[in-house]
Amino acid sequence: MKKKIIIIRYKNSGNIGSLKNSLFKNFSNLDSYSISVSNNPTKILKGDALILPGVGNASNIMKDLKKKKLDIAIKSFCNFKKPVLAICAGLQVMFEHSSEGDVRCLEILKGKVLKIKGNNFCKTPSYGWHPNSKKYSKDLKWLSCKEYFYFIHSYYIKTKFYIKLFYIYCNTKIPSLIMHKNIIGTQFHPELSGESGDKIIKYFLNKI
């Protein structure tokens, strides 16, 4: 039986096409998986793995999730201990609060989301390729000492927990890879990050 990967569709969610292409590219066996894009809570809960795509505004995302009762479905899915991949804005709404629209988020992870403080020498959004450093190297033997990933974001996660990779931008330490139990979260876009991004996608697929 094929493993069902569900990508959540919320209002204005983007990069779904690139994300699907990246998943197909990294399947070890095309006959082992199926991909669906859905905003139906019942269908989502029947999946074997869940992806919250990047691109979007935290306030708008949360309004849409609550309107369709997807917030309840996501929390329930996380409690099932099935693999979850949350990308960029999709990761940020997993935390307690976002200053992007001053909105209460899913509260699955501890922390808050703040706006990057830019200046004349450091512009926002953070855009393009950035090197990342390991925080807990023993947990990341499948990554090299330095990895470059593709970012585009104006807000960042402030937390003391879960951080596996980080990068420095505007003199701010920004968590870029977060892992907690069955949850894998990336501030960068793995689907746009070449070979380094493929490593994250493969790691997620191997958890299914």
C-alpha atoms as a PDB file:
ATOM      1  CA  MET A   1       0.000   0.000   0.000  1.00  0.00           C
ATOM      2  CA  LYS A   2       1.321   3.445  -0.908  1.00  0.00           C
ATOM      3  CA  LYS A   3       2.280   5.858   1.847  1.00  0.00           C
ATOM      4  CA  LYS A   4       0.073   8.955   1.626  1.00  0.00           C
ATOM      5  CA  ILE A   5       1.851  12.306   1.832  1.00  0.00           C
ATOM      6  CA  ILE A   6      -0.574  15.194   2.353  1.00  0.00           C
ATOM      7  CA  ILE A   7       0.433  18.764   1.558  1.00  0.00           C
ATOM      8  CA  ILE A   8      -1.876  21.222   3.297  1.00  0.00           C
ATOM      9  CA  ARG A   9      -3.405  23.853   1.038  1.00  0.00           C
ATOM     10  CA  TYR A  10      -4.193  27.057   2.859  1.00  0.00           C
ATOM     11  CA  LYS A  11      -5.053  30.449   1.400  1.00  0.00           C
ATOM     12  CA  ASN A  12      -2.230  31.794  -0.783  1.00  0.00           C
ATOM     13  CA  SER A  13       0.069  28.883   0.084  1.00  0.00           C
ATOM     14  CA  GLY A  14       2.811  28.823  -2.503  1.00  0.00           C
ATOM     15  CA  ASN A  15       5.628  26.727  -3.937  1.00  0.00           C
ATOM     16  CA  ILE A  16       3.479  23.600  -3.889  1.00  0.00           C
ATOM     17  CA  GLY A  17       4.515  22.731  -7.443  1.00  0.00           C
ATOM     18  CA  SER A  18       8.227  22.981  -6.594  1.00  0.00           C
ATOM     19  CA  LEU A  19       7.635  21.009  -3.413  1.00  0.00           C
ATOM     20  CA  LYS A  20       5.901  18.169  -5.261  1.00  0.00           C
ATOM     21  CA  ASN A  21       8.705  18.053  -7.826  1.00  0.00           C
ATOM     22  CA  SER A  22      11.281  17.835  -5.046  1.00  0.00           C
ATOM     23  CA  LEU A  23       9.424  14.970  -3.393  1.00  0.00           C
ATOM     24  CA  PHE A  24       9.142  13.023  -6.644  1.00  0.00           C
ATOM     25  CA  LYS A  25      12.828  13.614  -7.328  1.00  0.00           C
ATOM     26  CA  ASN A  26      13.805  12.081  -3.985  1.00  0.00           C
ATOM     27  CA  PHE A  27      11.440   9.104  -3.870  1.00  0.00           C
ATOM     28  CA  SER A  28      13.441   5.894  -3.547  1.00  0.00           C
ATOM     29  CA  ASN A  29      10.523   4.086  -5.207  1.00  0.00           C
ATOM     30  CA  LEU A  30       7.780   5.926  -7.092  1.00  0.00           C
ATOM     31  CA  ASP A  31       5.326   3.123  -6.318  1.00  0.00           C
ATOM     32  CA  SER A  32       5.806   3.541  -2.566  1.00  0.00           C
ATOM     33  CA  TYR A  33       4.232   6.990  -2.167  1.00  0.00           C
ATOM     34  CA  SER A  34       1.298   9.119  -3.239  1.00  0.00           C
ATOM     35  CA  ILE A  35       1.012  12.915  -2.922  1.00  0.00           C
ATOM     36  CA  SER A  36      -2.220  14.817  -2.314  1.00  0.00           C
ATOM     37  CA  VAL A  37      -2.845  18.521  -1.792  1.00  0.00           C
ATOM     38  CA  SER A  38      -5.789  19.053   0.535  1.00  0.00           C
ATOM     39  CA  ASN A  39      -7.550  21.378   2.969  1.00  0.00           C
ATOM     40  CA  ASN A  40      -9.961  18.648   4.101  1.00  0.00           C
ATOM     41  CA  PRO A  41      -9.361  17.761   7.789  1.00  0.00           C
ATOM     42  CA  THR A  42     -10.711  14.214   7.398  1.00  0.00           C
ATOM     43  CA  LYS A  43      -8.431  13.457   4.465  1.00  0.00           C
ATOM     44  CA  ILE A  44      -5.454  15.023   6.228  1.00  0.00           C
ATOM     45  CA  LEU A  45      -5.868  12.811   9.291  1.00  0.00           C
ATOM     46  CA  LYS A  46      -5.810   9.713   7.071  1.00  0.00           C
ATOM     47  CA  GLY A  47      -2.371  10.596   5.707  1.00  0.00           C
ATOM     48  CA  ASP A  48       0.900   8.915   6.653  1.00  0.00           C
ATOM     49  CA  ALA A  49       2.906  12.154   6.528  1.00  0.00           C
ATOM     50  CA  LEU A  50       2.020  15.838   6.509  1.00  0.00           C
ATOM     51  CA  ILE A  51       3.661  18.905   4.976  1.00  0.00           C
ATOM     52  CA  LEU A  52       2.913  22.550   5.813  1.00  0.00           C
ATOM     53  CA  PRO A  53       4.307  24.483   2.818  1.00  0.00           C
ATOM     54  CA  GLY A  54       6.088  27.823   2.990  1.00  0.00           C
ATOM     55  CA  VAL A  55       5.071  31.214   1.569  1.00  0.00           C
ATOM     56  CA  GLY A  56       2.308  33.224   3.194  1.00  0.00           C
ATOM     57  CA  ASN A  57       1.365  35.624   5.960  1.00  0.00           C
ATOM     58  CA  ALA A  58       1.037  34.156   9.464  1.00  0.00           C
ATOM     59  CA  SER A  59      -2.179  36.017  10.260  1.00  0.00           C
ATOM     60  CA  ASN A  60      -3.845  34.986   6.996  1.00  0.00           C
ATOM     61  CA  ILE A  61      -2.642  31.403   7.355  1.00  0.00           C
ATOM     62  CA  MET A  62      -4.068  31.100  10.869  1.00  0.00           C
ATOM     63  CA  LYS A  63      -7.402  32.617   9.845  1.00  0.00           C
ATOM     64  CA  ASP A  64      -7.687  30.104   7.020  1.00  0.00           C
ATOM     65  CA  LEU A  65      -6.607  27.159   9.178  1.00  0.00           C
ATOM     66  CA  LYS A  66      -9.170  27.996  11.849  1.00  0.00           C
ATOM     67  CA  LYS A  67     -11.931  28.660   9.318  1.00  0.00           C
ATOM     68  CA  LYS A  68     -11.519  25.174   7.866  1.00  0.00           C
ATOM     69  CA  LYS A  69     -10.710  23.568  11.264  1.00  0.00           C
ATOM     70  CA  LEU A  70      -7.313  22.627   9.904  1.00  0.00           C
ATOM     71  CA  ASP A  71      -5.686  23.870  13.115  1.00  0.00           C
ATOM     72  CA  ILE A  72      -7.388  21.045  15.010  1.00  0.00           C
ATOM     73  CA  ALA A  73      -6.414  18.521  12.336  1.00  0.00           C
ATOM     74  CA  ILE A  74      -2.749  19.577  12.406  1.00  0.00           C
ATOM     75  CA  LYS A  75      -2.552  19.313  16.196  1.00  0.00           C
ATOM     76  CA  SER A  76      -4.185  15.886  16.104  1.00  0.00           C
ATOM     77  CA  PHE A  77      -1.842  14.711  13.354  1.00  0.00           C
ATOM     78  CA  CYS A  78       1.204  15.780  15.372  1.00  0.00           C
ATOM     79  CA  ASN A  79      -0.110  13.772  18.331  1.00  0.00           C
ATOM     80  CA  PHE A  80      -0.291  10.675  16.102  1.00  0.00           C
ATOM     81  CA  LYS A  81       3.541  10.831  15.938  1.00  0.00           C
ATOM     82  CA  LYS A  82       3.503  10.635  12.147  1.00  0.00           C
ATOM     83  CA  PRO A  83       6.179  12.608  10.243  1.00  0.00           C
ATOM     84  CA  VAL A  84       5.505  16.319   9.773  1.00  0.00           C
ATOM     85  CA  LEU A  85       7.561  18.685   7.602  1.00  0.00           C
ATOM     86  CA  ALA A  86       6.898  22.399   8.179  1.00  0.00           C
ATOM     87  CA  ILE A  87       8.540  24.917   5.835  1.00  0.00           C
ATOM     88  CA  CYS A  88       9.185  28.656   6.349  1.00  0.00           C
ATOM     89  CA  ALA A  89       5.803  30.282   7.139  1.00  0.00           C
ATOM     90  CA  GLY A  90       4.422  26.778   7.694  1.00  0.00           C
ATOM     91  CA  LEU A  91       7.007  26.309  10.447  1.00  0.00           C
ATOM     92  CA  GLN A  92       6.456  29.713  12.006  1.00  0.00           C
ATOM     93  CA  VAL A  93       2.744  29.066  12.627  1.00  0.00           C
ATOM     94  CA  MET A  94       3.687  25.931  14.588  1.00  0.00           C
ATOM     95  CA  PHE A  95       4.872  28.215  17.397  1.00  0.00           C
ATOM     96  CA  GLU A  96       2.924  30.142  20.034  1.00  0.00           C
ATOM     97  CA  HIS A  97       2.645  33.644  18.613  1.00  0.00           C
ATOM     98  CA  SER A  98       3.694  35.643  15.556  1.00  0.00           C
ATOM     99  CA  SER A  99       4.237  39.390  15.409  1.00  0.00           C
ATOM    100  CA  GLU A 100       3.263  39.160  11.729  1.00  0.00           C
ATOM    101  CA  GLY A 101      -0.298  40.321  12.285  1.00  0.00           C
ATOM    102  CA  ASP A 102      -0.023  39.873  16.075  1.00  0.00           C
ATOM    103  CA  VAL A 103      -1.622  36.448  15.895  1.00  0.00           C
ATOM    104  CA  ARG A 104      -1.862  33.471  18.209  1.00  0.00           C
ATOM    105  CA  CYS A 105      -0.555  30.450  16.327  1.00  0.00           C
ATOM    106  CA  LEU A 106      -0.885  26.668  16.663  1.00  0.00           C
ATOM    107  CA  GLU A 107       1.104  26.491  19.933  1.00  0.00           C
ATOM    108  CA  ILE A 108       2.541  23.087  19.083  1.00  0.00           C
ATOM    109  CA  LEU A 109       6.112  24.311  19.671  1.00  0.00           C
ATOM    110  CA  LYS A 110       7.438  26.721  22.319  1.00  0.00           C
ATOM    111  CA  GLY A 111       8.604  30.091  21.064  1.00  0.00           C
ATOM    112  CA  LYS A 112       7.499  33.171  19.184  1.00  0.00           C
ATOM    113  CA  VAL A 113       8.041  34.735  15.781  1.00  0.00           C
ATOM    114  CA  LEU A 114       9.577  38.207  15.508  1.00  0.00           C
ATOM    115  CA  LYS A 115      10.396  40.578  12.654  1.00  0.00           C
ATOM    116  CA  ILE A 116      14.036  40.716  11.564  1.00  0.00           C
ATOM    117  CA  LYS A 117      15.450  44.131  12.457  1.00  0.00           C
ATOM    118  CA  GLY A 118      17.118  45.358   9.299  1.00  0.00           C
ATOM    119  CA  ASN A 119      19.339  48.401   8.865  1.00  0.00           C
ATOM    120  CA  ASN A 120      21.186  50.299   6.128  1.00  0.00           C
ATOM    121  CA  PHE A 121      23.677  47.451   5.788  1.00  0.00           C
ATOM    122  CA  CYS A 122      21.335  44.533   6.292  1.00  0.00           C
ATOM    123  CA  LYS A 123      18.071  44.544   4.385  1.00  0.00           C
ATOM    124  CA  THR A 124      14.901  42.546   4.905  1.00  0.00           C
ATOM    125  CA  PRO A 125      13.661  40.170   3.786  1.00  0.00           C
ATOM    126  CA  SER A 126      16.580  37.804   4.179  1.00  0.00           C
ATOM    127  CA  TYR A 127      16.811  36.636   0.588  1.00  0.00           C
ATOM    128  CA  GLY A 128      19.022  34.092  -1.137  1.00  0.00           C
ATOM    129  CA  TRP A 129      21.609  31.500  -0.152  1.00  0.00           C
ATOM    130  CA  HIS A 130      23.134  31.465   3.333  1.00  0.00           C
ATOM    131  CA  PRO A 131      25.596  29.124   5.065  1.00  0.00           C
ATOM    132  CA  ASN A 132      24.321  27.298   8.140  1.00  0.00           C
ATOM    133  CA  SER A 133      26.140  26.028  11.205  1.00  0.00           C
ATOM    134  CA  LYS A 134      25.450  22.944  13.261  1.00  0.00           C
ATOM    135  CA  LYS A 135      24.349  23.238  16.852  1.00  0.00           C
ATOM    136  CA  TYR A 136      24.187  19.537  17.666  1.00  0.00           C
ATOM    137  CA  SER A 137      26.517  17.790  15.231  1.00  0.00           C
ATOM    138  CA  LYS A 138      25.965  14.291  16.658  1.00  0.00           C
ATOM    139  CA  ASP A 139      22.348  14.444  15.515  1.00  0.00           C
ATOM    140  CA  LEU A 140      23.286  15.523  12.009  1.00  0.00           C
ATOM    141  CA  LYS A 141      25.887  13.091  10.742  1.00  0.00           C
ATOM    142  CA  TRP A 142      24.115  13.071   7.374  1.00  0.00           C
ATOM    143  CA  LEU A 143      24.888  16.783   6.900  1.00  0.00           C
ATOM    144  CA  SER A 144      28.327  18.251   6.194  1.00  0.00           C
ATOM    145  CA  CYS A 145      29.904  20.850   8.470  1.00  0.00           C
ATOM    146  CA  LYS A 146      28.590  23.695   6.314  1.00  0.00           C
ATOM    147  CA  GLU A 147      25.416  23.627   4.274  1.00  0.00           C
ATOM    148  CA  TYR A 148      23.959  26.378   2.090  1.00  0.00           C
ATOM    149  CA  PHE A 149      20.185  26.720   1.920  1.00  0.00           C
ATOM    150  CA  TYR A 150      17.833  29.109   0.143  1.00  0.00           C
ATOM    151  CA  PHE A 151      15.905  31.594   2.315  1.00  0.00           C
ATOM    152  CA  ILE A 152      13.321  34.279   1.801  1.00  0.00           C
ATOM    153  CA  HIS A 153      11.718  35.618   4.994  1.00  0.00           C
ATOM    154  CA  SER A 154      11.239  38.791   7.015  1.00  0.00           C
ATOM    155  CA  TYR A 155      10.357  37.088  10.302  1.00  0.00           C
ATOM    156  CA  TYR A 156      12.306  34.597  12.407  1.00  0.00           C
ATOM    157  CA  ILE A 157      11.686  32.151  15.227  1.00  0.00           C
ATOM    158  CA  LYS A 158      12.816  33.058  18.735  1.00  0.00           C
ATOM    159  CA  THR A 159      13.140  29.897  20.837  1.00  0.00           C
ATOM    160  CA  LYS A 160      15.570  28.149  23.185  1.00  0.00           C
ATOM    161  CA  PHE A 161      14.491  24.706  22.037  1.00  0.00           C
ATOM    162  CA  TYR A 162      14.699  22.259  19.128  1.00  0.00           C
ATOM    163  CA  ILE A 163      17.461  24.058  17.165  1.00  0.00           C
ATOM    164  CA  LYS A 164      19.652  21.820  14.990  1.00  0.00           C
ATOM    165  CA  LEU A 165      20.960  24.393  12.496  1.00  0.00           C
ATOM    166  CA  PHE A 166      21.111  28.168  12.594  1.00  0.00           C
ATOM    167  CA  TYR A 167      22.490  31.061  10.578  1.00  0.00           C
ATOM    168  CA  ILE A 168      23.372  34.654  11.385  1.00  0.00           C
ATOM    169  CA  TYR A 169      21.608  37.533   9.651  1.00  0.00           C
ATOM    170  CA  CYS A 170      21.402  41.175  10.769  1.00  0.00           C
ATOM    171  CA  ASN A 171      23.401  40.167  13.861  1.00  0.00           C
ATOM    172  CA  THR A 172      20.576  37.801  14.790  1.00  0.00           C
ATOM    173  CA  LYS A 173      20.917  34.078  15.390  1.00  0.00           C
ATOM    174  CA  ILE A 174      18.107  32.584  13.312  1.00  0.00           C
ATOM    175  CA  PRO A 175      17.042  28.933  13.753  1.00  0.00           C
ATOM    176  CA  SER A 176      17.013  27.336  10.313  1.00  0.00           C
ATOM    177  CA  LEU A 177      16.429  23.642  11.077  1.00  0.00           C
ATOM    178  CA  ILE A 178      14.272  22.507  13.967  1.00  0.00           C
ATOM    179  CA  MET A 179      13.516  18.958  15.059  1.00  0.00           C
ATOM    180  CA  HIS A 180      11.155  17.841  17.800  1.00  0.00           C
ATOM    181  CA  LYS A 181       9.861  14.288  18.038  1.00  0.00           C
ATOM    182  CA  ASN A 182       8.054  13.690  14.719  1.00  0.00           C
ATOM    183  CA  ILE A 183       8.339  17.313  13.543  1.00  0.00           C
ATOM    184  CA  ILE A 184      10.990  18.559  11.095  1.00  0.00           C
ATOM    185  CA  GLY A 185      10.916  22.296  10.508  1.00  0.00           C
ATOM    186  CA  THR A 186      12.929  24.436   8.104  1.00  0.00           C
ATOM    187  CA  GLN A 187      13.102  28.215   7.880  1.00  0.00           C
ATOM    188  CA  PHE A 188      14.715  27.745   4.469  1.00  0.00           C
ATOM    189  CA  HIS A 189      13.006  26.182   1.461  1.00  0.00           C
ATOM    190  CA  PRO A 190      14.415  22.659   1.006  1.00  0.00           C
ATOM    191  CA  GLU A 191      12.585  22.334  -2.320  1.00  0.00           C
ATOM    192  CA  LEU A 192      14.676  25.254  -3.650  1.00  0.00           C
ATOM    193  CA  SER A 193      17.967  24.402  -1.933  1.00  0.00           C
ATOM    194  CA  GLY A 194      19.591  21.965  -4.342  1.00  0.00           C
ATOM    195  CA  GLU A 195      21.574  19.032  -2.956  1.00  0.00           C
ATOM    196  CA  SER A 196      21.487  20.364   0.616  1.00  0.00           C
ATOM    197  CA  GLY A 197      17.702  20.631   0.436  1.00  0.00           C
ATOM    198  CA  ASP A 198      17.485  17.118  -1.015  1.00  0.00           C
ATOM    199  CA  LYS A 199      19.158  15.810   2.145  1.00  0.00           C
ATOM    200  CA  ILE A 200      16.307  17.234   4.235  1.00  0.00           C
ATOM    201  CA  ILE A 201      13.631  15.864   1.904  1.00  0.00           C
ATOM    202  CA  LYS A 202      15.222  12.388   1.927  1.00  0.00           C
ATOM    203  CA  TYR A 203      15.494  12.457   5.722  1.00  0.00           C
ATOM    204  CA  PHE A 204      11.779  13.278   5.940  1.00  0.00           C
ATOM    205  CA  LEU A 205      10.808  10.560   3.458  1.00  0.00           C
ATOM    206  CA  ASN A 206      12.849   7.963   5.345  1.00  0.00           C
ATOM    207  CA  LYS A 207      10.770   8.730   8.456  1.00  0.00           C
ATOM    208  CA  ILE A 208       7.522   7.698   6.748  1.00  0.00           C
END
